[in-house]
């Protein structure tokens, strides 16, 4: 999404929810950015808002160099890059934030339920030092009725402590590399209906197709959905970050430091799915 400096218009670069169009959408973002700059000039563009790993539209993992290109584009034209990490942040991709995988740092990071597992409604924005410095001599012109609510903030601190204590982030990486990734790829080898497997850690999706060559989606009747053209043939898999296989017990449990497995204790709800 390209946000105009006037705030009056949003130039959406939104990809189709159909995961098969992801590659086209990648080039579409660049085309639209160039087209917008050519038509209006870079001075009219305030920010680019991008989900680091697109979630609901089909777990669309950016290719190598893509986010670095976004960073370079923003730096060149003085545009703010806003990373939406509401879904992919706080461990879902095997790192605290998904952008950490791509050697590119955004200016602003939005977050929400992953920070406290949804125990209390919460959301926020992480601000880079250069942007934060602009408010050293002036008041930030924003705020909501429940901004900085102590209960919500305490729930974030407690959740992060639990995730660190149980190595939830490391467990998410292990589940992805040792269980989910190999298992889903093996499933694709056995079933032609699986057109593509993509994802990382505990953030995955399958494309279900009637023909692998053409990438034609399955009919709604086969998918068990309502009549009409389907918007997506993808099936997402987002298991708990604390998931473990029968042969893989979390470190904190197997070490004898806990009397119960993390899944039986108050581990983060977001980590439980």
Protein backbone atom coordinates (compact mmCIF):
# COMPACT_ATOMS: atom_id res chain seq x y z
CA UNK A 1 0.00 0.00 0.00
CA UNK A 2 1.39 3.37 -1.01
CA UNK A 3 0.20 6.20 1.25
CA UNK A 4 -0.03 9.69 -0.19
CA UNK A 5 1.53 12.49 1.83
CA UNK A 6 -1.76 14.38 1.71
CA UNK A 7 -3.44 11.47 3.45
CA UNK A 8 -6.35 11.81 1.07
CA UNK A 9 -5.69 8.79 -1.09
CA UNK A 10 -4.37 5.27 -0.80
CA UNK A 11 -2.76 3.73 -3.85
CA UNK A 12 -3.16 0.05 -3.21
CA UNK A 13 -0.63 -2.36 -4.55
CA UNK A 14 -2.55 -5.21 -2.96
CA UNK A 15 -1.88 -8.56 -4.51
CA UNK A 16 -4.68 -10.90 -5.37
CA UNK A 17 -5.58 -13.17 -2.52
CA UNK A 18 -4.81 -16.00 -4.85
CA UNK A 19 -1.32 -17.10 -3.91
CA UNK A 20 -0.53 -18.10 -7.48
CA UNK A 21 -0.45 -14.40 -8.40
CA UNK A 22 2.16 -13.55 -5.79
CA UNK A 23 5.02 -13.26 -8.24
CA UNK A 24 2.97 -10.95 -10.43
CA UNK A 25 2.05 -8.88 -7.39
CA UNK A 26 5.70 -8.44 -6.49
CA UNK A 27 6.43 -6.84 -9.83
CA UNK A 28 3.14 -4.97 -9.54
CA UNK A 29 4.27 -3.23 -6.38
CA UNK A 30 7.40 -2.01 -8.11
CA UNK A 31 5.45 -1.00 -11.23
CA UNK A 32 2.91 0.92 -9.21
CA UNK A 33 5.60 2.64 -7.17
CA UNK A 34 7.36 3.72 -10.35
CA UNK A 35 4.07 4.70 -11.97
CA UNK A 36 3.04 6.76 -8.93
CA UNK A 37 6.40 8.52 -8.85
CA UNK A 38 6.26 9.26 -12.56
CA UNK A 39 2.72 10.65 -12.35
CA UNK A 40 2.97 12.62 -9.14
CA UNK A 41 6.59 12.71 -8.06
CA UNK A 42 8.18 10.98 -5.05
CA UNK A 43 7.41 14.00 -2.87
CA UNK A 44 3.74 12.99 -2.79
CA UNK A 45 4.42 9.55 -1.25
CA UNK A 46 4.66 9.52 2.54
CA UNK A 47 4.96 5.81 3.26
CA UNK A 48 4.80 2.26 1.96
CA UNK A 49 2.95 -0.19 4.20
CA UNK A 50 3.75 -3.88 3.66
CA UNK A 51 3.12 -7.08 5.58
CA UNK A 52 6.60 -8.53 5.89
CA UNK A 53 5.19 -11.99 5.21
CA UNK A 54 1.67 -11.70 3.85
CA UNK A 55 -0.62 -13.78 6.03
CA UNK A 56 -4.31 -14.04 5.19
CA UNK A 57 -3.69 -13.82 1.44
CA UNK A 58 -1.75 -17.06 1.51
CA UNK A 59 1.49 -16.90 3.57
CA UNK A 60 3.44 -15.17 0.80
CA UNK A 61 7.12 -15.19 1.68
CA UNK A 62 9.11 -12.44 -0.06
CA UNK A 63 11.96 -13.62 -2.29
CA UNK A 64 15.59 -12.79 -1.44
CA UNK A 65 16.39 -9.16 -2.03
CA UNK A 66 12.80 -7.96 -2.24
CA UNK A 67 12.59 -6.14 1.10
CA UNK A 68 16.13 -4.86 0.65
CA UNK A 69 14.84 -3.31 -2.58
CA UNK A 70 11.92 -1.74 -0.71
CA UNK A 71 14.40 -0.30 1.80
CA UNK A 72 16.57 1.11 -0.98
CA UNK A 73 13.55 2.62 -2.74
CA UNK A 74 12.40 4.31 0.47
CA UNK A 75 15.88 5.61 1.26
CA UNK A 76 16.29 7.03 -2.22
CA UNK A 77 13.05 9.00 -2.16
CA UNK A 78 12.66 9.78 1.54
CA UNK A 79 9.70 7.45 1.98
CA UNK A 80 8.83 5.80 5.31
CA UNK A 81 8.66 2.01 5.26
CA UNK A 82 6.02 0.65 7.64
CA UNK A 83 6.28 -3.09 8.32
CA UNK A 84 3.01 -4.75 9.34
CA UNK A 85 4.06 -7.51 11.75
CA UNK A 86 0.67 -8.03 13.41
CA UNK A 87 0.44 -11.59 12.13
CA UNK A 88 4.02 -12.56 11.31
CA UNK A 89 5.78 -10.93 14.27
CA UNK A 90 6.64 -12.29 17.70
CA UNK A 91 7.95 -15.67 16.67
CA UNK A 92 5.60 -16.85 13.95
CA UNK A 93 8.44 -16.97 11.37
CA UNK A 94 11.08 -18.21 13.78
CA UNK A 95 12.37 -14.77 14.76
CA UNK A 96 11.02 -12.06 17.00
CA UNK A 97 10.17 -10.10 13.86
CA UNK A 98 9.88 -11.45 10.33
CA UNK A 99 11.92 -8.63 8.77
CA UNK A 100 14.98 -9.90 10.68
CA UNK A 101 15.32 -12.66 8.08
CA UNK A 102 15.84 -10.20 5.24
CA UNK A 103 18.66 -7.80 6.24
CA UNK A 104 16.40 -4.78 5.89
CA UNK A 105 15.13 -2.64 8.75
CA UNK A 106 11.82 -0.74 8.53
CA UNK A 107 11.15 2.72 9.95
CA UNK A 108 7.97 1.74 11.78
CA UNK A 109 6.74 -1.69 12.92
CA UNK A 110 3.11 -2.36 13.77
CA UNK A 111 2.26 -5.15 16.19
CA UNK A 112 -0.71 -6.44 18.15
CA UNK A 113 -1.95 -9.77 19.51
CA UNK A 114 1.34 -11.63 19.10
CA UNK A 115 2.98 -9.41 21.70
CA UNK A 116 0.74 -10.64 24.52
CA UNK A 117 -0.97 -13.68 23.03
CA UNK A 118 -4.30 -11.91 22.89
CA UNK A 119 -4.93 -12.14 26.62
CA UNK A 120 -5.78 -8.42 26.62
CA UNK A 121 -6.60 -6.29 23.54
CA UNK A 122 -3.41 -4.45 22.62
CA UNK A 123 -1.60 -2.98 19.66
CA UNK A 124 1.27 -0.64 19.07
CA UNK A 125 3.95 0.78 16.83
CA UNK A 126 7.70 0.44 17.27
CA UNK A 127 9.36 3.67 16.17
CA UNK A 128 12.89 3.99 14.80
CA UNK A 129 15.33 6.34 16.51
CA UNK A 130 15.33 8.96 13.71
CA UNK A 131 11.54 9.25 13.74
CA UNK A 132 11.37 9.18 17.54
CA UNK A 133 13.91 12.01 17.66
CA UNK A 134 11.50 14.30 15.83
CA UNK A 135 9.38 14.35 18.99
CA UNK A 136 12.20 15.30 21.35
CA UNK A 137 11.18 18.96 21.19
CA UNK A 138 7.49 18.60 20.45
CA UNK A 139 4.57 16.54 21.70
CA UNK A 140 3.53 13.50 19.68
CA UNK A 141 0.16 14.49 18.14
CA UNK A 142 -1.63 11.25 18.84
CA UNK A 143 -3.10 9.04 21.52
CA UNK A 144 -6.11 6.94 22.39
CA UNK A 145 -8.27 6.54 25.49
CA UNK A 146 -6.43 3.40 26.58
CA UNK A 147 -2.94 4.25 25.33
CA UNK A 148 -0.29 2.81 27.62
CA UNK A 149 -2.82 0.87 29.64
CA UNK A 150 -0.88 -0.79 32.50
CA UNK A 151 -2.75 -4.10 32.29
CA UNK A 152 -2.10 -4.46 28.56
CA UNK A 153 1.55 -3.45 28.96
CA UNK A 154 2.03 -5.90 31.86
CA UNK A 155 0.60 -8.71 29.74
CA UNK A 156 3.18 -7.98 27.03
CA UNK A 157 6.05 -8.12 29.51
CA UNK A 158 4.78 -11.39 31.02
CA UNK A 159 4.27 -12.99 27.61
CA UNK A 160 7.73 -12.04 26.35
CA UNK A 161 9.26 -13.39 29.56
CA UNK A 162 7.44 -16.71 29.08
CA UNK A 163 8.48 -16.93 25.44
CA UNK A 164 12.12 -16.33 26.37
CA UNK A 165 11.97 -18.75 29.29
CA UNK A 166 10.53 -21.56 27.17
CA UNK A 167 12.60 -20.79 24.04
CA UNK A 168 9.36 -20.49 22.10
CA UNK A 169 11.07 -18.76 19.16
CA UNK A 170 13.67 -21.51 18.85
CA UNK A 171 10.98 -24.14 19.10
CA UNK A 172 9.05 -22.50 16.25
CA UNK A 173 12.17 -22.70 14.07
CA UNK A 174 12.73 -26.34 14.95
CA UNK A 175 9.12 -27.33 14.28
CA UNK A 176 9.32 -25.66 10.88
CA UNK A 177 12.64 -27.16 9.79
CA UNK A 178 12.23 -30.62 11.33
CA UNK A 179 8.50 -31.34 11.23
CA UNK A 180 6.27 -29.03 9.20
CA UNK A 181 8.55 -28.27 6.26
CA UNK A 182 9.60 -31.88 5.56
CA UNK A 183 6.11 -33.21 6.29
CA UNK A 184 4.32 -30.80 3.97
CA UNK A 185 6.83 -31.32 1.15
CA UNK A 186 6.43 -35.08 1.49
CA UNK A 187 2.66 -34.59 1.36
CA UNK A 188 3.05 -32.63 -1.87
CA UNK A 189 5.11 -35.42 -3.42
CA UNK A 190 2.33 -37.93 -2.71
CA UNK A 191 -0.65 -35.80 -3.69
CA UNK A 192 -0.82 -33.99 -7.07
CA UNK A 193 -3.61 -31.81 -5.67
CA UNK A 194 -0.94 -29.91 -3.71
CA UNK A 195 0.38 -27.36 -6.17
CA UNK A 196 2.83 -25.57 -3.90
CA UNK A 197 4.13 -25.63 -0.34
CA UNK A 198 5.58 -22.44 1.11
CA UNK A 199 6.32 -21.01 4.50
CA UNK A 200 8.72 -20.95 7.39
CA UNK A 201 8.77 -21.92 11.06
CA UNK A 202 5.08 -22.20 12.05
CA UNK A 203 3.67 -20.10 9.21
CA UNK A 204 2.80 -22.23 6.17
CA UNK A 205 0.35 -22.58 3.30
CA UNK A 206 -0.60 -25.13 0.67
CA UNK A 207 -2.01 -24.30 -2.75
CA UNK A 208 -4.63 -26.86 -3.76
CA UNK A 209 -4.93 -27.17 -7.53
CA UNK A 210 -6.69 -29.27 -10.14
CA UNK A 211 -3.68 -29.10 -12.44
CA UNK A 212 -0.11 -28.39 -11.37
CA UNK A 213 1.01 -27.19 -14.79
CA UNK A 214 -1.66 -24.52 -15.14
CA UNK A 215 -2.01 -23.91 -11.39
CA UNK A 216 -5.80 -23.97 -11.84
CA UNK A 217 -7.58 -23.84 -8.50
CA UNK A 218 -9.84 -26.55 -7.25
CA UNK A 219 -13.55 -25.98 -7.76
CA UNK A 220 -15.49 -24.64 -4.76
CA UNK A 221 -17.50 -27.85 -4.57
CA UNK A 222 -14.33 -29.88 -4.09
CA UNK A 223 -12.99 -27.44 -1.54
CA UNK A 224 -16.27 -27.61 0.33
CA UNK A 225 -16.89 -23.88 0.02
CA UNK A 226 -19.90 -21.94 -1.20
CA UNK A 227 -20.70 -21.64 -4.88
CA UNK A 228 -19.11 -18.95 -6.98
CA UNK A 229 -15.56 -18.26 -8.09
CA UNK A 230 -13.10 -19.01 -5.28
CA UNK A 231 -10.82 -16.21 -4.11
CA UNK A 232 -8.09 -18.60 -3.07
CA UNK A 233 -7.28 -22.28 -3.21
CA UNK A 234 -4.79 -22.01 -0.38
CA UNK A 235 -4.94 -23.74 2.94
CA UNK A 236 -2.92 -22.06 5.65
CA UNK A 237 -1.28 -23.85 8.55
CA UNK A 238 -0.43 -21.76 11.59
CA UNK A 239 -0.01 -24.15 14.53
CA UNK A 240 0.98 -23.06 18.04
CA UNK A 241 4.54 -21.82 18.46
CA UNK A 242 4.74 -24.22 21.42
CA UNK A 243 3.82 -27.23 19.28
CA UNK A 244 6.17 -30.20 19.58
CA UNK A 245 6.29 -33.67 18.10
CA UNK A 246 6.27 -36.88 20.12
CA UNK A 247 10.04 -37.13 19.68
CA UNK A 248 10.73 -33.48 20.45
CA UNK A 249 9.98 -32.18 23.91
CA UNK A 250 10.68 -28.50 24.64
CA UNK A 251 13.97 -27.90 26.39
CA UNK A 252 12.44 -26.41 29.53
CA UNK A 253 10.25 -29.48 30.08
CA UNK A 254 12.75 -32.19 29.23
CA UNK A 255 15.37 -30.56 31.46
CA UNK A 256 13.22 -31.20 34.51
CA UNK A 257 12.82 -27.50 35.26
CA UNK A 258 9.04 -27.79 34.88
CA UNK A 259 6.56 -30.29 36.24
CA UNK A 260 4.32 -29.84 33.20
CA UNK A 261 4.91 -29.37 29.48
CA UNK A 262 4.62 -25.77 28.25
CA UNK A 263 1.38 -26.61 26.46
CA UNK A 264 -0.20 -27.39 29.84
CA UNK A 265 1.11 -24.24 31.48
CA UNK A 266 0.18 -20.63 30.75
CA UNK A 267 2.21 -20.32 27.59
CA UNK A 268 1.34 -17.51 25.17
CA UNK A 269 -2.09 -17.91 23.61
CA UNK A 270 -0.72 -16.70 20.28
CA UNK A 271 1.87 -19.44 20.65
CA UNK A 272 -1.00 -21.87 21.13
CA UNK A 273 -2.62 -20.67 17.90
